Amino acid sequence: MSISNRKLEHLEITLYERVEGFSSTLLEDVKLVHQALPGFDFSDVELSAALFGKKVDAPLVISGMTGGVSRVRNNQQEVG
């Protein structure tokens, strides 16, 4: 099975079959402990990075489950 067919199959499953998500993300088990950083200057934080030889000012995430499937291209354009 090609990657495009598998991606399309995933989309069809969510459209036409009964699917359920997880009942929990387990985040209720996470405890965040506050640890202040006295004297920390946020202007010292540098988020920029190089991407394909170009500077970006902040982190960048590119993701796409449906990329490469021509049948869903119209859906992507409507959403995006």
Protein backbone atom coordinates (compact mmCIF):
# COMPACT_ATOMS: atom_id res chain seq x y z
CA MET A 1 0.00 0.00 0.00
CA SER A 2 1.37 3.41 -0.93
CA ILE A 3 1.78 6.21 1.60
CA SER A 4 -0.88 8.28 -0.19
CA ASN A 5 -3.37 5.41 -0.01
CA ARG A 6 -2.61 4.86 3.68
CA LYS A 7 -3.14 8.56 4.47
CA LEU A 8 -6.43 8.50 2.59
CA GLU A 9 -7.45 5.35 4.48
CA HIS A 10 -6.80 7.13 7.80
CA LEU A 11 -9.03 10.02 6.74
CA GLU A 12 -11.81 7.70 5.56
CA ILE A 13 -11.71 5.79 8.84
CA THR A 14 -12.31 8.98 10.82
CA LEU A 15 -15.12 10.01 8.47
CA TYR A 16 -17.04 6.76 8.08
CA GLU A 17 -16.22 4.48 11.00
CA ARG A 18 -16.85 4.74 14.70
CA VAL A 19 -13.65 5.86 16.36
CA GLU A 20 -13.01 6.93 19.91
CA GLY A 21 -10.19 8.91 21.39
CA PHE A 22 -8.35 8.07 24.54
CA SER A 23 -10.33 8.71 27.70
CA SER A 24 -7.34 10.49 29.19
CA THR A 25 -4.21 12.29 28.08
CA LEU A 26 -2.65 11.42 31.45
CA LEU A 27 -1.99 15.11 32.04
CA GLU A 28 -3.93 14.79 35.28
CA ASP A 29 -0.91 12.83 36.58
CA VAL A 30 1.54 15.62 35.74
CA LYS A 31 2.60 17.96 38.53
CA LEU A 32 4.35 21.17 37.49
CA VAL A 33 6.60 22.49 40.22
CA HIS A 34 7.14 26.25 40.15
CA GLN A 35 10.82 27.14 40.26
CA ALA A 36 11.32 30.87 39.82
CA LEU A 37 14.49 32.17 38.27
CA PRO A 38 15.26 35.35 40.22
CA GLY A 39 17.50 37.72 38.34
CA PHE A 40 16.74 36.01 35.01
CA ASP A 41 16.44 38.49 32.15
CA PHE A 42 14.08 37.39 29.38
CA SER A 43 15.96 39.60 26.91
CA ASP A 44 18.79 37.07 27.21
CA VAL A 45 16.59 34.35 25.69
CA GLU A 46 17.32 33.75 22.01
CA LEU A 47 14.68 31.78 20.11
CA SER A 48 15.92 32.31 16.57
CA ALA A 49 17.33 29.44 14.54
CA ALA A 50 18.56 28.71 11.03
CA LEU A 51 16.23 26.81 8.73
CA PHE A 52 17.38 25.97 5.21
CA GLY A 53 19.99 28.70 5.48
CA LYS A 54 17.48 31.37 6.53
CA LYS A 55 17.05 32.88 9.99
CA VAL A 56 13.67 32.35 11.64
CA ASP A 57 12.81 34.43 14.70
CA ALA A 58 11.08 31.65 16.61
CA PRO A 59 10.77 27.86 16.55
CA LEU A 60 8.73 26.49 13.68
CA VAL A 61 6.74 23.28 13.43
CA ILE A 62 5.49 21.99 10.09
CA SER A 63 3.13 19.05 10.14
CA GLY A 64 0.59 17.58 7.77
CA MET A 65 -1.18 14.25 7.91
CA THR A 66 -2.92 14.68 4.57
CA GLY A 67 -0.05 15.96 2.43
CA GLY A 68 0.35 14.16 -0.88
CA VAL A 69 -3.24 12.96 -1.24
CA SER A 70 -4.83 14.79 -4.17
CA ARG A 71 -8.39 13.84 -3.14
CA VAL A 72 -8.10 15.94 0.03
CA ARG A 73 -6.30 18.93 -1.44
CA ASN A 74 -9.55 20.95 -1.58
CA ASN A 75 -10.19 20.20 2.11
CA GLN A 76 -6.72 21.44 3.02
CA GLN A 77 -7.25 24.66 1.11
CA GLU A 78 -10.62 25.25 2.83
CA VAL A 79 -9.14 24.66 6.29
CA GLY A 80 -5.78 26.33 5.76
